[in-house]
Structures are given as C-alpha cells and as structure tokens.
Amino acid sequence: MEAVGKQRIRKPGNILVFKTSVQTKEHIKQLRLFLDKEAGKRKWNFDLDDQDKIFRTRSMKVNVYSTIQLFKQAGFACEELKE
C-alpha cells in the first residue's frame, strides 16, 4: 500500500472491504454511477445479507479516502475493514 497524504492507494489486485450503512438495492442504484467511475464497472459488489452491509472492490487503483468520501457525500456511512 502506498500513502499519498490522506489518500491511501492499494496495489493492483488487492480487494478492499468496507463496512457501510447501505441497506437496500435502491441504495445501491443511487451509488452505481459513482462506484462504476471510482472502481470500474463490475469491479465492486455489496453483501447486504452481512450484518456490516459489506462493500467490496477490486481495481487497479482504489483510493480508500475517496471511496469513503463518495459514500459520505451520498449520505451513507462507510469505513474500511482492515485485514
């Protein structure tokens, strides 16, 4: 992982896992365009059955800080789950 100021960037191939407050498929639809732009189409998914409403992404460059801010701006809580 590289640190760029507040912007932590993971190396290619890493899967990032976040705990979110996303509850429904409708919430996911609200985020879809932003997530496709941030991570790439089909490079992310949610597990709404998990108690932490898990968001996973795998991308060539994922900015953890920007991802969290994206969720917050859309009105959702989001925090990275560490290994």
N, C-alpha and C. Protein backbone atom coordinates (compact mmCIF):
# COMPACT_ATOMS: atom_id res chain seq x y z
N MET A 1 0.85 -1.17 0.00
CA MET A 1 0.00 0.00 0.00
C MET A 1 0.90 1.23 0.00
N GLU A 2 0.53 2.22 -0.78
CA GLU A 2 1.24 3.48 -0.83
C GLU A 2 0.42 4.53 -0.10
N ALA A 3 1.09 5.45 0.56
CA ALA A 3 0.39 6.54 1.22
C ALA A 3 0.69 7.82 0.46
N VAL A 4 -0.35 8.53 0.11
CA VAL A 4 -0.22 9.81 -0.59
C VAL A 4 -1.06 10.80 0.21
N GLY A 5 -0.42 11.46 1.19
CA GLY A 5 -1.18 12.33 2.07
C GLY A 5 -2.24 11.52 2.79
N LYS A 6 -3.46 11.98 2.74
CA LYS A 6 -4.58 11.23 3.32
C LYS A 6 -5.05 10.13 2.38
N GLN A 7 -4.56 10.14 1.17
CA GLN A 7 -5.07 9.23 0.15
C GLN A 7 -4.25 7.96 0.10
N ARG A 8 -4.77 6.89 0.72
CA ARG A 8 -4.09 5.61 0.69
C ARG A 8 -4.52 4.87 -0.55
N ILE A 9 -3.56 4.40 -1.30
CA ILE A 9 -3.83 3.69 -2.55
C ILE A 9 -3.28 2.28 -2.43
N ARG A 10 -4.10 1.31 -2.75
CA ARG A 10 -3.69 -0.09 -2.70
C ARG A 10 -3.05 -0.50 -4.01
N LYS A 11 -2.19 -1.48 -3.93
CA LYS A 11 -1.54 -2.03 -5.12
C LYS A 11 -2.56 -2.82 -5.92
N PRO A 12 -2.32 -2.98 -7.25
CA PRO A 12 -3.24 -3.72 -8.10
C PRO A 12 -3.50 -5.13 -7.57
N GLY A 13 -4.74 -5.56 -7.72
CA GLY A 13 -5.11 -6.91 -7.35
C GLY A 13 -5.63 -7.04 -5.93
N ASN A 14 -5.41 -6.04 -5.11
CA ASN A 14 -5.92 -6.09 -3.74
C ASN A 14 -7.43 -5.90 -3.74
N ILE A 15 -8.06 -6.60 -2.85
CA ILE A 15 -9.50 -6.42 -2.65
C ILE A 15 -9.68 -5.62 -1.38
N LEU A 16 -10.43 -4.54 -1.49
CA LEU A 16 -10.73 -3.70 -0.33
C LEU A 16 -12.13 -4.02 0.16
N VAL A 17 -12.29 -4.01 1.46
CA VAL A 17 -13.57 -4.35 2.08
C VAL A 17 -13.97 -3.21 3.01
N PHE A 18 -15.22 -2.78 2.87
CA PHE A 18 -15.74 -1.68 3.66
C PHE A 18 -17.04 -2.08 4.35
N LYS A 19 -17.23 -1.58 5.56
CA LYS A 19 -18.50 -1.68 6.27
C LYS A 19 -19.30 -0.44 5.87
N THR A 20 -20.58 -0.61 5.53
CA THR A 20 -21.38 0.52 5.07
C THR A 20 -22.74 0.56 5.76
N SER A 21 -23.46 1.64 5.53
CA SER A 21 -24.84 1.74 6.01
C SER A 21 -25.84 1.53 4.88
N VAL A 22 -25.37 1.06 3.74
CA VAL A 22 -26.25 0.77 2.61
C VAL A 22 -27.18 -0.38 2.99
N GLN A 23 -28.47 -0.21 2.80
CA GLN A 23 -29.44 -1.20 3.26
C GLN A 23 -30.20 -1.93 2.16
N THR A 24 -30.39 -1.28 1.01
CA THR A 24 -31.29 -1.85 0.00
C THR A 24 -30.67 -1.79 -1.40
N LYS A 25 -31.29 -2.51 -2.30
CA LYS A 25 -30.86 -2.45 -3.71
C LYS A 25 -31.09 -1.06 -4.29
N GLU A 26 -32.09 -0.37 -3.78
CA GLU A 26 -32.34 1.01 -4.23
C GLU A 26 -31.18 1.92 -3.84
N HIS A 27 -30.62 1.71 -2.66
CA HIS A 27 -29.44 2.48 -2.24
C HIS A 27 -28.27 2.20 -3.19
N ILE A 28 -28.11 0.95 -3.56
CA ILE A 28 -27.02 0.58 -4.48
C ILE A 28 -27.21 1.27 -5.83
N LYS A 29 -28.45 1.34 -6.30
CA LYS A 29 -28.72 2.03 -7.56
C LYS A 29 -28.31 3.50 -7.48
N GLN A 30 -28.51 4.12 -6.31
CA GLN A 30 -28.12 5.52 -6.12
C GLN A 30 -26.61 5.70 -6.24
N LEU A 31 -25.86 4.68 -5.86
CA LEU A 31 -24.40 4.76 -5.85
C LEU A 31 -23.74 4.24 -7.13
N ARG A 32 -24.48 3.48 -7.92
CA ARG A 32 -23.90 2.74 -9.05
C ARG A 32 -23.02 3.59 -9.97
N LEU A 33 -23.50 4.71 -10.46
CA LEU A 33 -22.71 5.52 -11.39
C LEU A 33 -21.40 5.99 -10.77
N PHE A 34 -21.47 6.40 -9.51
CA PHE A 34 -20.27 6.88 -8.82
C PHE A 34 -19.27 5.74 -8.60
N LEU A 35 -19.78 4.56 -8.22
CA LEU A 35 -18.89 3.43 -7.98
C LEU A 35 -18.28 2.91 -9.27
N ASP A 36 -19.05 2.90 -10.34
CA ASP A 36 -18.50 2.49 -11.64
C ASP A 36 -17.37 3.42 -12.06
N LYS A 37 -17.53 4.71 -11.79
CA LYS A 37 -16.50 5.68 -12.14
C LYS A 37 -15.26 5.51 -11.25
N GLU A 38 -15.48 5.30 -9.96
CA GLU A 38 -14.38 5.18 -9.00
C GLU A 38 -13.60 3.87 -9.17
N ALA A 39 -14.31 2.77 -9.26
CA ALA A 39 -13.66 1.45 -9.25
C ALA A 39 -13.69 0.75 -10.61
N GLY A 40 -14.63 1.09 -11.44
CA GLY A 40 -14.80 0.41 -12.72
C GLY A 40 -16.03 -0.49 -12.69
N LYS A 41 -16.65 -0.63 -13.83
CA LYS A 41 -17.84 -1.49 -13.92
C LYS A 41 -17.48 -2.93 -13.57
N ARG A 42 -18.37 -3.54 -12.82
CA ARG A 42 -18.24 -4.94 -12.41
C ARG A 42 -17.00 -5.22 -11.57
N LYS A 43 -16.44 -4.19 -10.97
CA LYS A 43 -15.27 -4.38 -10.11
C LYS A 43 -15.62 -4.12 -8.64
N TRP A 44 -16.90 -4.17 -8.35
CA TRP A 44 -17.36 -3.95 -6.98
C TRP A 44 -18.65 -4.70 -6.74
N ASN A 45 -18.96 -4.97 -5.45
CA ASN A 45 -20.22 -5.62 -5.10
C ASN A 45 -20.55 -5.35 -3.64
N PHE A 46 -21.78 -5.60 -3.30
CA PHE A 46 -22.27 -5.47 -1.94
C PHE A 46 -22.76 -6.82 -1.43
N ASP A 47 -22.65 -7.03 -0.13
CA ASP A 47 -23.26 -8.18 0.53
C ASP A 47 -24.23 -7.61 1.56
N LEU A 48 -25.47 -7.41 1.14
CA LEU A 48 -26.48 -6.83 2.03
C LEU A 48 -26.97 -7.81 3.08
N ASP A 49 -26.66 -9.10 2.90
CA ASP A 49 -27.05 -10.10 3.89
C ASP A 49 -26.11 -10.08 5.10
N ASP A 50 -24.91 -9.57 4.92
CA ASP A 50 -23.96 -9.47 6.02
C ASP A 50 -24.40 -8.36 6.97
N GLN A 51 -24.19 -8.54 8.25
CA GLN A 51 -24.62 -7.53 9.23
C GLN A 51 -23.92 -6.19 9.03
N ASP A 52 -22.73 -6.20 8.42
CA ASP A 52 -21.98 -4.96 8.18
C ASP A 52 -22.26 -4.35 6.81
N LYS A 53 -23.20 -4.94 6.05
CA LYS A 53 -23.57 -4.43 4.72
C LYS A 53 -22.29 -4.15 3.90
N ILE A 54 -21.54 -5.20 3.68
CA ILE A 54 -20.20 -5.14 3.11
C ILE A 54 -20.19 -4.65 1.67
N PHE A 55 -19.24 -3.76 1.40
CA PHE A 55 -18.92 -3.30 0.05
C PHE A 55 -17.51 -3.78 -0.24
N ARG A 56 -17.34 -4.49 -1.37
CA ARG A 56 -16.03 -4.96 -1.81
C ARG A 56 -15.70 -4.38 -3.17
N THR A 57 -14.43 -4.06 -3.34
CA THR A 57 -14.00 -3.57 -4.64
C THR A 57 -12.59 -4.07 -4.95
N ARG A 58 -12.35 -4.25 -6.23
CA ARG A 58 -11.02 -4.62 -6.71
C ARG A 58 -10.77 -3.79 -7.95
N SER A 59 -9.70 -3.04 -7.92
CA SER A 59 -9.42 -2.12 -9.01
C SER A 59 -7.93 -1.94 -9.13
N MET A 60 -7.49 -1.42 -10.27
CA MET A 60 -6.07 -1.16 -10.48
C MET A 60 -5.57 -0.11 -9.48
N LYS A 61 -6.36 0.89 -9.24
CA LYS A 61 -6.02 1.92 -8.25
C LYS A 61 -7.30 2.32 -7.53
N VAL A 62 -7.36 2.03 -6.26
CA VAL A 62 -8.51 2.43 -5.48
C VAL A 62 -8.02 3.35 -4.38
N ASN A 63 -8.61 4.49 -4.30
CA ASN A 63 -8.28 5.46 -3.29
C ASN A 63 -9.25 5.28 -2.13
N VAL A 64 -8.76 4.75 -1.02
CA VAL A 64 -9.60 4.45 0.13
C VAL A 64 -10.31 5.71 0.62
N TYR A 65 -9.57 6.78 0.77
CA TYR A 65 -10.13 8.03 1.27
C TYR A 65 -11.25 8.54 0.36
N SER A 66 -11.02 8.53 -0.96
CA SER A 66 -12.04 9.00 -1.91
C SER A 66 -13.28 8.11 -1.89
N THR A 67 -13.08 6.82 -1.72
CA THR A 67 -14.21 5.90 -1.67
C THR A 67 -15.08 6.21 -0.45
N ILE A 68 -14.45 6.41 0.69
CA ILE A 68 -15.20 6.75 1.91
C ILE A 68 -15.92 8.07 1.73
N GLN A 69 -15.26 9.06 1.14
CA GLN A 69 -15.89 10.36 0.91
C GLN A 69 -17.07 10.25 -0.05
N LEU A 70 -16.94 9.41 -1.06
CA LEU A 70 -18.02 9.19 -2.02
C LEU A 70 -19.28 8.72 -1.29
N PHE A 71 -19.12 7.74 -0.41
CA PHE A 71 -20.26 7.23 0.35
C PHE A 71 -20.84 8.32 1.24
N LYS A 72 -19.98 9.06 1.94
CA LYS A 72 -20.45 10.11 2.84
C LYS A 72 -21.23 11.19 2.10
N GLN A 73 -20.73 11.59 0.93
CA GLN A 73 -21.42 12.62 0.14
C GLN A 73 -22.79 12.14 -0.33
N ALA A 74 -22.93 10.82 -0.50
CA ALA A 74 -24.21 10.25 -0.91
C ALA A 74 -25.12 9.99 0.29
N GLY A 75 -24.63 10.28 1.50
CA GLY A 75 -25.45 10.11 2.69
C GLY A 75 -25.32 8.78 3.40
N PHE A 76 -24.26 8.04 3.11
CA PHE A 76 -24.06 6.72 3.71
C PHE A 76 -22.78 6.69 4.52
N ALA A 77 -22.79 5.90 5.58
CA ALA A 77 -21.58 5.67 6.36
C ALA A 77 -20.74 4.62 5.65
N CYS A 78 -19.42 4.74 5.79
CA CYS A 78 -18.52 3.79 5.15
C CYS A 78 -17.19 3.83 5.89
N GLU A 79 -16.67 2.65 6.24
CA GLU A 79 -15.35 2.59 6.84
C GLU A 79 -14.64 1.33 6.34
N GLU A 80 -13.34 1.47 6.14
CA GLU A 80 -12.56 0.35 5.64
C GLU A 80 -12.42 -0.69 6.74
N LEU A 81 -12.60 -1.96 6.39
CA LEU A 81 -12.34 -3.06 7.31
C LEU A 81 -10.94 -3.56 7.03
N LYS A 82 -10.11 -3.55 8.04
CA LYS A 82 -8.72 -3.99 7.89
C LYS A 82 -8.64 -5.50 7.92
N GLU A 83 -7.56 -6.01 7.39
CA GLU A 83 -7.35 -7.46 7.34
C GLU A 83 -7.28 -8.06 8.72
